[in-house]
PDB file of N, CA and C in Angstrom:
ATOM      1  N   MET A   1       0.805  -1.192   0.000  1.00  0.00           N
ATOM      2  CA  MET A   1       0.000   0.000   0.000  1.00  0.00           C
ATOM      3  C   MET A   1       0.852   1.262   0.000  1.00  0.00           C
ATOM      4  N   ARG A   2       2.000   1.169  -0.583  1.00  0.00           N
ATOM      5  CA  ARG A   2       2.850   2.350  -0.807  1.00  0.00           C
ATOM      6  C   ARG A   2       3.241   3.094   0.466  1.00  0.00           C
ATOM      7  N   ASP A   3       3.405   2.408   1.570  1.00  0.00           N
ATOM      8  CA  ASP A   3       3.864   3.002   2.823  1.00  0.00           C
ATOM      9  C   ASP A   3       2.925   4.065   3.365  1.00  0.00           C
ATOM     10  N   LEU A   4       1.669   3.989   3.044  1.00  0.00           N
ATOM     11  CA  LEU A   4       0.682   4.909   3.600  1.00  0.00           C
ATOM     12  C   LEU A   4      -0.092   4.200   4.690  1.00  0.00           C
ATOM     13  N   GLU A   5      -0.608   4.982   5.634  1.00  0.00           N
ATOM     14  CA  GLU A   5      -1.474   4.410   6.650  1.00  0.00           C
ATOM     15  C   GLU A   5      -2.559   5.399   7.019  1.00  0.00           C
ATOM     16  N   VAL A   6      -3.623   4.879   7.573  1.00  0.00           N
ATOM     17  CA  VAL A   6      -4.743   5.714   7.986  1.00  0.00           C
ATOM     18  C   VAL A   6      -4.251   6.712   9.032  1.00  0.00           C
ATOM     19  N   GLY A   7      -4.683   7.959   8.912  1.00  0.00           N
ATOM     20  CA  GLY A   7      -4.278   9.010   9.847  1.00  0.00           C
ATOM     21  C   GLY A   7      -3.040   9.774   9.417  1.00  0.00           C
ATOM     22  N   GLN A   8      -2.451   9.403   8.299  1.00  0.00           N
ATOM     23  CA  GLN A   8      -1.232  10.046   7.824  1.00  0.00           C
ATOM     24  C   GLN A   8      -1.559  11.335   7.072  1.00  0.00           C
ATOM     25  N   VAL A   9      -0.706  12.338   7.254  1.00  0.00           N
ATOM     26  CA  VAL A   9      -0.844  13.601   6.531  1.00  0.00           C
ATOM     27  C   VAL A   9      -0.165  13.443   5.178  1.00  0.00           C
ATOM     28  N   VAL A  10      -0.878  13.824   4.118  1.00  0.00           N
ATOM     29  CA  VAL A  10      -0.341  13.750   2.759  1.00  0.00           C
ATOM     30  C   VAL A  10      -0.678  15.042   2.022  1.00  0.00           C
ATOM     31  N   PHE A  11       0.015  15.270   0.905  1.00  0.00           N
ATOM     32  CA  PHE A  11      -0.253  16.421   0.052  1.00  0.00           C
ATOM     33  C   PHE A  11      -0.570  15.928  -1.351  1.00  0.00           C
ATOM     34  N   SER A  12      -1.452  16.647  -2.025  1.00  0.00           N
ATOM     35  CA  SER A  12      -1.805  16.327  -3.399  1.00  0.00           C
ATOM     36  C   SER A  12      -0.694  16.803  -4.328  1.00  0.00           C
ATOM     37  N   LYS A  13      -0.291  15.944  -5.271  1.00  0.00           N
ATOM     38  CA  LYS A  13       0.777  16.302  -6.210  1.00  0.00           C
ATOM     39  C   LYS A  13       0.252  16.791  -7.548  1.00  0.00           C
ATOM     40  N   CYS A  14      -1.055  16.672  -7.803  1.00  0.00           N
ATOM     41  CA  CYS A  14      -1.596  17.136  -9.073  1.00  0.00           C
ATOM     42  C   CYS A  14      -3.097  17.365  -8.944  1.00  0.00           C
ATOM     43  N   GLY A  15      -3.644  18.014  -9.948  1.00  0.00           N
ATOM     44  CA  GLY A  15      -5.073  18.279  -9.968  1.00  0.00           C
ATOM     45  C   GLY A  15      -5.406  19.645  -9.407  1.00  0.00           C
ATOM     46  N   ARG A  16      -6.693  19.930  -9.304  1.00  0.00           N
ATOM     47  CA  ARG A  16      -7.140  21.225  -8.780  1.00  0.00           C
ATOM     48  C   ARG A  16      -6.726  21.435  -7.342  1.00  0.00           C
ATOM     49  N   ASP A  17      -6.533  20.340  -6.620  1.00  0.00           N
ATOM     50  CA  ASP A  17      -6.167  20.427  -5.211  1.00  0.00           C
ATOM     51  C   ASP A  17      -4.655  20.330  -4.988  1.00  0.00           C
ATOM     52  N   TYR A  18      -3.853  20.634  -6.019  1.00  0.00           N
ATOM     53  CA  TYR A  18      -2.384  20.564  -5.939  1.00  0.00           C
ATOM     54  C   TYR A  18      -1.867  21.319  -4.708  1.00  0.00           C
ATOM     55  N   GLY A  19      -1.026  20.658  -3.921  1.00  0.00           N
ATOM     56  CA  GLY A  19      -0.398  21.284  -2.761  1.00  0.00           C
ATOM     57  C   GLY A  19      -1.257  21.295  -1.509  1.00  0.00           C
ATOM     58  N   LYS A  20      -2.456  20.815  -1.583  1.00  0.00           N
ATOM     59  CA  LYS A  20      -3.369  20.840  -0.442  1.00  0.00           C
ATOM     60  C   LYS A  20      -3.101  19.648   0.479  1.00  0.00           C
ATOM     61  N   ALA A  21      -3.219  19.890   1.774  1.00  0.00           N
ATOM     62  CA  ALA A  21      -2.984  18.852   2.774  1.00  0.00           C
ATOM     63  C   ALA A  21      -4.264  18.062   3.036  1.00  0.00           C
ATOM     64  N   PHE A  22      -4.103  16.765   3.213  1.00  0.00           N
ATOM     65  CA  PHE A  22      -5.217  15.865   3.501  1.00  0.00           C
ATOM     66  C   PHE A  22      -4.795  14.862   4.558  1.00  0.00           C
ATOM     67  N   ILE A  23      -5.782  14.183   5.121  1.00  0.00           N
ATOM     68  CA  ILE A  23      -5.566  13.046   6.011  1.00  0.00           C
ATOM     69  C   ILE A  23      -6.051  11.802   5.277  1.00  0.00           C
ATOM     70  N   VAL A  24      -5.277  10.726   5.326  1.00  0.00           N
ATOM     71  CA  VAL A  24      -5.694   9.459   4.733  1.00  0.00           C
ATOM     72  C   VAL A  24      -6.762   8.854   5.644  1.00  0.00           C
ATOM     73  N   VAL A  25      -7.966   8.626   5.085  1.00  0.00           N
ATOM     74  CA  VAL A  25      -9.053   8.067   5.894  1.00  0.00           C
ATOM     75  C   VAL A  25      -9.282   6.587   5.611  1.00  0.00           C
ATOM     76  N   SER A  26      -8.893   6.113   4.412  1.00  0.00           N
ATOM     77  CA  SER A  26      -8.944   4.678   4.134  1.00  0.00           C
ATOM     78  C   SER A  26      -8.071   4.379   2.920  1.00  0.00           C
ATOM     79  N   LEU A  27      -7.770   3.091   2.759  1.00  0.00           N
ATOM     80  CA  LEU A  27      -6.879   2.651   1.686  1.00  0.00           C
ATOM     81  C   LEU A  27      -7.503   1.475   0.943  1.00  0.00           C
ATOM     82  N   GLU A  28      -7.255   1.434  -0.363  1.00  0.00           N
ATOM     83  CA  GLU A  28      -7.627   0.295  -1.190  1.00  0.00           C
ATOM     84  C   GLU A  28      -6.389  -0.132  -1.960  1.00  0.00           C
ATOM     85  N   GLU A  29      -6.564  -1.064  -2.903  1.00  0.00           N
ATOM     86  CA  GLU A  29      -5.413  -1.590  -3.638  1.00  0.00           C
ATOM     87  C   GLU A  29      -4.590  -0.502  -4.310  1.00  0.00           C
ATOM     88  N   GLU A  30      -5.214   0.332  -5.133  1.00  0.00           N
ATOM     89  CA  GLU A  30      -4.446   1.356  -5.830  1.00  0.00           C
ATOM     90  C   GLU A  30      -4.902   2.777  -5.523  1.00  0.00           C
ATOM     91  N   TYR A  31      -5.828   2.921  -4.572  1.00  0.00           N
ATOM     92  CA  TYR A  31      -6.342   4.244  -4.227  1.00  0.00           C
ATOM     93  C   TYR A  31      -6.278   4.501  -2.732  1.00  0.00           C
ATOM     94  N   ALA A  32      -6.086   5.774  -2.410  1.00  0.00           N
ATOM     95  CA  ALA A  32      -6.220   6.237  -1.038  1.00  0.00           C
ATOM     96  C   ALA A  32      -7.401   7.201  -1.009  1.00  0.00           C
ATOM     97  N   TYR A  33      -8.146   7.172   0.066  1.00  0.00           N
ATOM     98  CA  TYR A  33      -9.261   8.089   0.246  1.00  0.00           C
ATOM     99  C   TYR A  33      -8.847   9.156   1.243  1.00  0.00           C
ATOM    100  N   LEU A  34      -9.001  10.412   0.836  1.00  0.00           N
ATOM    101  CA  LEU A  34      -8.467  11.539   1.586  1.00  0.00           C
ATOM    102  C   LEU A  34      -9.576  12.499   1.988  1.00  0.00           C
ATOM    103  N   ALA A  35      -9.434  13.100   3.162  1.00  0.00           N
ATOM    104  CA  ALA A  35     -10.373  14.113   3.629  1.00  0.00           C
ATOM    105  C   ALA A  35      -9.594  15.254   4.259  1.00  0.00           C
ATOM    106  N   ASP A  36     -10.159  16.465   4.147  1.00  0.00           N
ATOM    107  CA  ASP A  36      -9.548  17.621   4.808  1.00  0.00           C
ATOM    108  C   ASP A  36     -10.493  18.250   5.823  1.00  0.00           C
ATOM    109  N   GLY A  37     -11.710  17.726   5.933  1.00  0.00           N
ATOM    110  CA  GLY A  37     -12.672  18.234   6.898  1.00  0.00           C
ATOM    111  C   GLY A  37     -13.334  19.526   6.465  1.00  0.00           C
ATOM    112  N   ASP A  38     -12.970  20.044   5.289  1.00  0.00           N
ATOM    113  CA  ASP A  38     -13.522  21.306   4.809  1.00  0.00           C
ATOM    114  C   ASP A  38     -14.261  21.074   3.495  1.00  0.00           C
ATOM    115  N   LEU A  39     -13.526  20.992   2.402  1.00  0.00           N
ATOM    116  CA  LEU A  39     -14.149  20.731   1.103  1.00  0.00           C
ATOM    117  C   LEU A  39     -14.357  19.240   0.874  1.00  0.00           C
ATOM    118  N   ARG A  40     -13.450  18.439   1.385  1.00  0.00           N
ATOM    119  CA  ARG A  40     -13.566  16.984   1.283  1.00  0.00           C
ATOM    120  C   ARG A  40     -13.892  16.426   2.664  1.00  0.00           C
ATOM    121  N   LEU A  41     -15.158  16.090   2.849  1.00  0.00           N
ATOM    122  CA  LEU A  41     -15.629  15.606   4.141  1.00  0.00           C
ATOM    123  C   LEU A  41     -15.507  14.090   4.218  1.00  0.00           C
ATOM    124  N   LEU A  42     -15.668  13.570   5.420  1.00  0.00           N
ATOM    125  CA  LEU A  42     -15.572  12.123   5.626  1.00  0.00           C
ATOM    126  C   LEU A  42     -16.652  11.360   4.870  1.00  0.00           C
ATOM    127  N   GLU A  43     -17.811  11.979   4.661  1.00  0.00           N
ATOM    128  CA  GLU A  43     -18.893  11.311   3.953  1.00  0.00           C
ATOM    129  C   GLU A  43     -18.571  11.133   2.470  1.00  0.00           C
ATOM    130  N   LYS A  44     -17.725  12.022   1.927  1.00  0.00           N
ATOM    131  CA  LYS A  44     -17.372  11.942   0.510  1.00  0.00           C
ATOM    132  C   LYS A  44     -15.885  12.273   0.339  1.00  0.00           C
ATOM    133  N   PRO A  45     -15.008  11.343   0.734  1.00  0.00           N
ATOM    134  CA  PRO A  45     -13.568  11.618   0.633  1.00  0.00           C
ATOM    135  C   PRO A  45     -13.077  11.625  -0.815  1.00  0.00           C
ATOM    136  N   LYS A  46     -11.937  12.285  -1.026  1.00  0.00           N
ATOM    137  CA  LYS A  46     -11.301  12.352  -2.345  1.00  0.00           C
ATOM    138  C   LYS A  46     -10.569  11.035  -2.605  1.00  0.00           C
ATOM    139  N   ARG A  47     -10.816  10.431  -3.766  1.00  0.00           N
ATOM    140  CA  ARG A  47     -10.123   9.198  -4.145  1.00  0.00           C
ATOM    141  C   ARG A  47      -8.956   9.580  -5.041  1.00  0.00           C
ATOM    142  N   LYS A  48      -7.740   9.213  -4.629  1.00  0.00           N
ATOM    143  CA  LYS A  48      -6.541   9.525  -5.411  1.00  0.00           C
ATOM    144  C   LYS A  48      -5.667   8.294  -5.532  1.00  0.00           C
ATOM    145  N   LYS A  49      -5.033   8.182  -6.700  1.00  0.00           N
ATOM    146  CA  LYS A  49      -4.049   7.115  -6.871  1.00  0.00           C
ATOM    147  C   LYS A  49      -2.804   7.462  -6.056  1.00  0.00           C
ATOM    148  N   TYR A  50      -2.093   6.430  -5.649  1.00  0.00           N
ATOM    149  CA  TYR A  50      -0.909   6.622  -4.816  1.00  0.00           C
ATOM    150  C   TYR A  50       0.138   7.501  -5.486  1.00  0.00           C
ATOM    151  N   LYS A  51       0.283   7.388  -6.794  1.00  0.00           N
ATOM    152  CA  LYS A  51       1.310   8.163  -7.476  1.00  0.00           C
ATOM    153  C   LYS A  51       1.004   9.657  -7.482  1.00  0.00           C
ATOM    154  N   HIS A  52      -0.214  10.047  -7.147  1.00  0.00           N
ATOM    155  CA  HIS A  52      -0.598  11.459  -7.115  1.00  0.00           C
ATOM    156  C   HIS A  52      -0.579  12.037  -5.711  1.00  0.00           C
ATOM    157  N   ILE A  53       0.035  11.302  -4.777  1.00  0.00           N
ATOM    158  CA  ILE A  53       0.073  11.719  -3.374  1.00  0.00           C
ATOM    159  C   ILE A  53       1.526  11.844  -2.922  1.00  0.00           C
ATOM    160  N   GLN A  54       1.825  12.965  -2.261  1.00  0.00           N
ATOM    161  CA  GLN A  54       3.136  13.152  -1.628  1.00  0.00           C
ATOM    162  C   GLN A  54       2.959  12.854  -0.143  1.00  0.00           C
ATOM    163  N   ARG A  55       3.557  11.780   0.307  1.00  0.00           N
ATOM    164  CA  ARG A  55       3.391  11.402   1.711  1.00  0.00           C
ATOM    165  C   ARG A  55       4.322  12.207   2.617  1.00  0.00           C
ATOM    166  N   THR A  56       3.941  12.309   3.879  1.00  0.00           N
ATOM    167  CA  THR A  56       4.801  12.885   4.905  1.00  0.00           C
ATOM    168  C   THR A  56       5.057  11.800   5.941  1.00  0.00           C
ATOM    169  N   ASP A  57       5.941  12.078   6.877  1.00  0.00           N
ATOM    170  CA  ASP A  57       6.218  11.107   7.937  1.00  0.00           C
ATOM    171  C   ASP A  57       5.275  11.273   9.123  1.00  0.00           C
ATOM    172  N   GLU A  58       4.373  12.248   9.039  1.00  0.00           N
ATOM    173  CA  GLU A  58       3.475  12.571  10.146  1.00  0.00           C
ATOM    174  C   GLU A  58       2.216  11.701  10.123  1.00  0.00           C
ATOM    175  N   VAL A  59       2.043  10.915  11.173  1.00  0.00           N
ATOM    176  CA  VAL A  59       0.813  10.147  11.369  1.00  0.00           C
ATOM    177  C   VAL A  59       0.199  10.663  12.664  1.00  0.00           C
ATOM    178  N   ILE A  60      -1.013  11.172  12.576  1.00  0.00           N
ATOM    179  CA  ILE A  60      -1.691  11.712  13.752  1.00  0.00           C
ATOM    180  C   ILE A  60      -2.408  10.550  14.441  1.00  0.00           C
ATOM    181  N   GLN A  61      -1.801  10.088  15.526  1.00  0.00           N
ATOM    182  CA  GLN A  61      -2.267   8.868  16.195  1.00  0.00           C
ATOM    183  C   GLN A  61      -3.689   8.996  16.732  1.00  0.00           C
ATOM    184  N   ARG A  62      -4.057  10.189  17.255  1.00  0.00           N
ATOM    185  CA  ARG A  62      -5.420  10.366  17.779  1.00  0.00           C
ATOM    186  C   ARG A  62      -6.446  10.153  16.674  1.00  0.00           C
ATOM    187  N   LEU A  63      -6.164  10.723  15.498  1.00  0.00           N
ATOM    188  CA  LEU A  63      -7.083  10.562  14.373  1.00  0.00           C
ATOM    189  C   LEU A  63      -7.070   9.131  13.849  1.00  0.00           C
ATOM    190  N   LYS A  64      -5.909   8.532  13.824  1.00  0.00           N
ATOM    191  CA  LYS A  64      -5.802   7.158  13.326  1.00  0.00           C
ATOM    192  C   LYS A  64      -6.718   6.237  14.116  1.00  0.00           C
ATOM    193  N   GLN A  65      -6.641   6.327  15.433  1.00  0.00           N
ATOM    194  CA  GLN A  65      -7.465   5.464  16.285  1.00  0.00           C
ATOM    195  C   GLN A  65      -8.946   5.747  16.076  1.00  0.00           C
ATOM    196  N   LYS A  66      -9.303   7.033  15.995  1.00  0.00           N
ATOM    197  CA  LYS A  66     -10.709   7.388  15.815  1.00  0.00           C
ATOM    198  C   LYS A  66     -11.220   6.976  14.435  1.00  0.00           C
ATOM    199  N   LEU A  67     -10.370   7.075  13.409  1.00  0.00           N
ATOM    200  CA  LEU A  67     -10.777   6.663  12.073  1.00  0.00           C
ATOM    201  C   LEU A  67     -11.009   5.159  12.001  1.00  0.00           C
ATOM    202  N   ILE A  68     -10.193   4.400  12.693  1.00  0.00           N
ATOM    203  CA  ILE A  68     -10.371   2.947  12.726  1.00  0.00           C
ATOM    204  C   ILE A  68     -11.694   2.607  13.409  1.00  0.00           C
ATOM    205  N   GLU A  69     -12.021   3.354  14.466  1.00  0.00           N
ATOM    206  CA  GLU A  69     -13.277   3.126  15.184  1.00  0.00           C
ATOM    207  C   GLU A  69     -14.458   3.810  14.509  1.00  0.00           C
ATOM    208  N   GLU A  70     -14.204   4.580  13.452  1.00  0.00           N
ATOM    209  CA  GLU A  70     -15.228   5.342  12.728  1.00  0.00           C
ATOM    210  C   GLU A  70     -15.967   6.293  13.667  1.00  0.00           C
ATOM    211  N   ASN A  71     -15.195   7.009  14.466  1.00  0.00           N
ATOM    212  CA  ASN A  71     -15.777   7.901  15.461  1.00  0.00           C
ATOM    213  C   ASN A  71     -15.074   9.261  15.434  1.00  0.00           C
ATOM    214  N   VAL A  72     -14.888   9.818  14.243  1.00  0.00           N
ATOM    215  CA  VAL A  72     -14.164  11.082  14.113  1.00  0.00           C
ATOM    216  C   VAL A  72     -15.068  12.094  13.399  1.00  0.00           C
ATOM    217  N   LEU A  73     -14.886  13.361  13.717  1.00  0.00           N
ATOM    218  CA  LEU A  73     -15.661  14.438  13.106  1.00  0.00           C
ATOM    219  C   LEU A  73     -14.795  15.217  12.125  1.00  0.00           C
ATOM    220  N   ASP A  74     -15.431  15.856  11.149  1.00  0.00           N
ATOM    221  CA  ASP A  74     -14.702  16.686  10.193  1.00  0.00           C
ATOM    222  C   ASP A  74     -13.976  17.828  10.900  1.00  0.00           C
ATOM    223  N   ALA A  75     -14.568  18.353  11.960  1.00  0.00           N
ATOM    224  CA  ALA A  75     -13.942  19.447  12.713  1.00  0.00           C
ATOM    225  C   ALA A  75     -12.611  19.003  13.325  1.00  0.00           C
ATOM    226  N   GLU A  76     -12.529  17.753  13.757  1.00  0.00           N
ATOM    227  CA  GLU A  76     -11.280  17.241  14.321  1.00  0.00           C
ATOM    228  C   GLU A  76     -10.200  17.140  13.241  1.00  0.00           C
ATOM    229  N   ILE A  77     -10.584  16.741  12.050  1.00  0.00           N
ATOM    230  CA  ILE A  77      -9.626  16.662  10.941  1.00  0.00           C
ATOM    231  C   ILE A  77      -9.116  18.064  10.608  1.00  0.00           C
ATOM    232  N   ARG A  78     -10.020  19.036  10.506  1.00  0.00           N
ATOM    233  CA  ARG A  78      -9.606  20.427  10.233  1.00  0.00           C
ATOM    234  C   ARG A  78      -8.635  20.924  11.293  1.00  0.00           C
ATOM    235  N   LYS A  79      -8.947  20.671  12.549  1.00  0.00           N
ATOM    236  CA  LYS A  79      -8.114  21.134  13.667  1.00  0.00           C
ATOM    237  C   LYS A  79      -6.710  20.521  13.609  1.00  0.00           C
ATOM    238  N   GLU A  80      -6.632  19.217  13.379  1.00  0.00           N
ATOM    239  CA  GLU A  80      -5.334  18.539  13.345  1.00  0.00           C
ATOM    240  C   GLU A  80      -4.504  18.965  12.134  1.00  0.00           C
ATOM    241  N   LEU A  81      -5.144  19.135  10.975  1.00  0.00           N
ATOM    242  CA  LEU A  81      -4.411  19.596   9.793  1.00  0.00           C
ATOM    243  C   LEU A  81      -3.887  21.007   9.990  1.00  0.00           C
ATOM    244  N   LYS A  82      -4.700  21.867  10.571  1.00  0.00           N
ATOM    245  CA  LYS A  82      -4.273  23.237  10.820  1.00  0.00           C
ATOM    246  C   LYS A  82      -3.085  23.263  11.776  1.00  0.00           C
ATOM    247  N   ALA A  83      -3.148  22.469  12.826  1.00  0.00           N
ATOM    248  CA  ALA A  83      -2.041  22.392  13.792  1.00  0.00           C
ATOM    249  C   ALA A  83      -0.766  21.877  13.110  1.00  0.00           C
ATOM    250  N   TYR A  84      -0.899  20.863  12.251  1.00  0.00           N
ATOM    251  CA  TYR A  84       0.259  20.328  11.538  1.00  0.00           C
ATOM    252  C   TYR A  84       0.873  21.377  10.622  1.00  0.00           C
ATOM    253  N   LEU A  85       0.047  22.088   9.867  1.00  0.00           N
ATOM    254  CA  LEU A  85       0.557  23.102   8.937  1.00  0.00           C
ATOM    255  C   LEU A  85       1.233  24.248   9.670  1.00  0.00           C
ATOM    256  N   ILE A  86       0.702  24.647  10.817  1.00  0.00           N
ATOM    257  CA  ILE A  86       1.335  25.700  11.613  1.00  0.00           C
ATOM    258  C   ILE A  86       2.674  25.205  12.154  1.00  0.00           C
ATOM    259  N   LYS A  87       2.693  23.972  12.635  1.00  0.00           N
ATOM    260  CA  LYS A  87       3.926  23.399  13.211  1.00  0.00           C
ATOM    261  C   LYS A  87       5.039  23.299  12.170  1.00  0.00           C
ATOM    262  N   THR A  88       4.686  22.917  10.946  1.00  0.00           N
ATOM    263  CA  THR A  88       5.709  22.726   9.924  1.00  0.00           C
ATOM    264  C   THR A  88       6.122  24.011   9.222  1.00  0.00           C
ATOM    265  N   SER A  89       5.341  25.075   9.367  1.00  0.00           N
ATOM    266  CA  SER A  89       5.699  26.329   8.696  1.00  0.00           C
ATOM    267  C   SER A  89       6.700  27.151   9.514  1.00  0.00           C
ATOM    268  N   ILE A  90       6.968  26.755  10.740  1.00  0.00           N
ATOM    269  CA  ILE A  90       7.909  27.500  11.591  1.00  0.00           C
ATOM    270  C   ILE A  90       9.333  27.151  11.246  1.00  0.00           C
TER     271      ILE A  90
END
Protein backbone atom coordinates (compact mmCIF):
# COMPACT_ATOMS: atom_id res chain seq x y z
CA MET A 1 0.00 0.00 0.00
CA ARG A 2 2.85 2.35 -0.81
CA ASP A 3 3.86 3.00 2.82
CA LEU A 4 0.68 4.91 3.60
CA GLU A 5 -1.47 4.41 6.65
CA VAL A 6 -4.74 5.71 7.99
CA GLY A 7 -4.28 9.01 9.85
CA GLN A 8 -1.23 10.05 7.82
CA VAL A 9 -0.84 13.60 6.53
CA VAL A 10 -0.34 13.75 2.76
CA PHE A 11 -0.25 16.42 0.05
CA SER A 12 -1.81 16.33 -3.40
CA LYS A 13 0.78 16.30 -6.21
CA CYS A 14 -1.60 17.14 -9.07
CA GLY A 15 -5.07 18.28 -9.97
CA ARG A 16 -7.14 21.22 -8.78
CA ASP A 17 -6.17 20.43 -5.21
CA TYR A 18 -2.38 20.56 -5.94
CA GLY A 19 -0.40 21.28 -2.76
CA LYS A 20 -3.37 20.84 -0.44
CA ALA A 21 -2.98 18.85 2.77
CA PHE A 22 -5.22 15.86 3.50
CA ILE A 23 -5.57 13.05 6.01
CA VAL A 24 -5.69 9.46 4.73
CA VAL A 25 -9.05 8.07 5.89
CA SER A 26 -8.94 4.68 4.13
CA LEU A 27 -6.88 2.65 1.69
CA GLU A 28 -7.63 0.30 -1.19
CA GLU A 29 -5.41 -1.59 -3.64
CA GLU A 30 -4.45 1.36 -5.83
CA TYR A 31 -6.34 4.24 -4.23
CA ALA A 32 -6.22 6.24 -1.04
CA TYR A 33 -9.26 8.09 0.25
CA LEU A 34 -8.47 11.54 1.59
CA ALA A 35 -10.37 14.11 3.63
CA ASP A 36 -9.55 17.62 4.81
CA GLY A 37 -12.67 18.23 6.90
CA ASP A 38 -13.52 21.31 4.81
CA LEU A 39 -14.15 20.73 1.10
CA ARG A 40 -13.57 16.98 1.28
CA LEU A 41 -15.63 15.61 4.14
CA LEU A 42 -15.57 12.12 5.63
CA GLU A 43 -18.89 11.31 3.95
CA LYS A 44 -17.37 11.94 0.51
CA PRO A 45 -13.57 11.62 0.63
CA LYS A 46 -11.30 12.35 -2.34
CA ARG A 47 -10.12 9.20 -4.15
CA LYS A 48 -6.54 9.52 -5.41
CA LYS A 49 -4.05 7.12 -6.87
CA TYR A 50 -0.91 6.62 -4.82
CA LYS A 51 1.31 8.16 -7.48
CA HIS A 52 -0.60 11.46 -7.11
CA ILE A 53 0.07 11.72 -3.37
CA GLN A 54 3.14 13.15 -1.63
CA ARG A 55 3.39 11.40 1.71
CA THR A 56 4.80 12.89 4.90
CA ASP A 57 6.22 11.11 7.94
CA GLU A 58 3.47 12.57 10.15
CA VAL A 59 0.81 10.15 11.37
CA ILE A 60 -1.69 11.71 13.75
CA GLN A 61 -2.27 8.87 16.20
CA ARG A 62 -5.42 10.37 17.78
CA LEU A 63 -7.08 10.56 14.37
CA LYS A 64 -5.80 7.16 13.33
CA GLN A 65 -7.46 5.46 16.29
CA LYS A 66 -10.71 7.39 15.81
CA LEU A 67 -10.78 6.66 12.07
CA ILE A 68 -10.37 2.95 12.73
CA GLU A 69 -13.28 3.13 15.18
CA GLU A 70 -15.23 5.34 12.73
CA ASN A 71 -15.78 7.90 15.46
CA VAL A 72 -14.16 11.08 14.11
CA LEU A 73 -15.66 14.44 13.11
CA ASP A 74 -14.70 16.69 10.19
CA ALA A 75 -13.94 19.45 12.71
CA GLU A 76 -11.28 17.24 14.32
CA ILE A 77 -9.63 16.66 10.94
CA ARG A 78 -9.61 20.43 10.23
CA LYS A 79 -8.11 21.13 13.67
CA GLU A 80 -5.33 18.54 13.35
CA LEU A 81 -4.41 19.60 9.79
CA LYS A 82 -4.27 23.24 10.82
CA ALA A 83 -2.04 22.39 13.79
CA TYR A 84 0.26 20.33 11.54
CA LEU A 85 0.56 23.10 8.94
CA ILE A 86 1.34 25.70 11.61
CA LYS A 87 3.93 23.40 13.21
CA THR A 88 5.71 22.73 9.92
CA SER A 89 5.70 26.33 8.70
CA ILE A 90 7.91 27.50 11.59
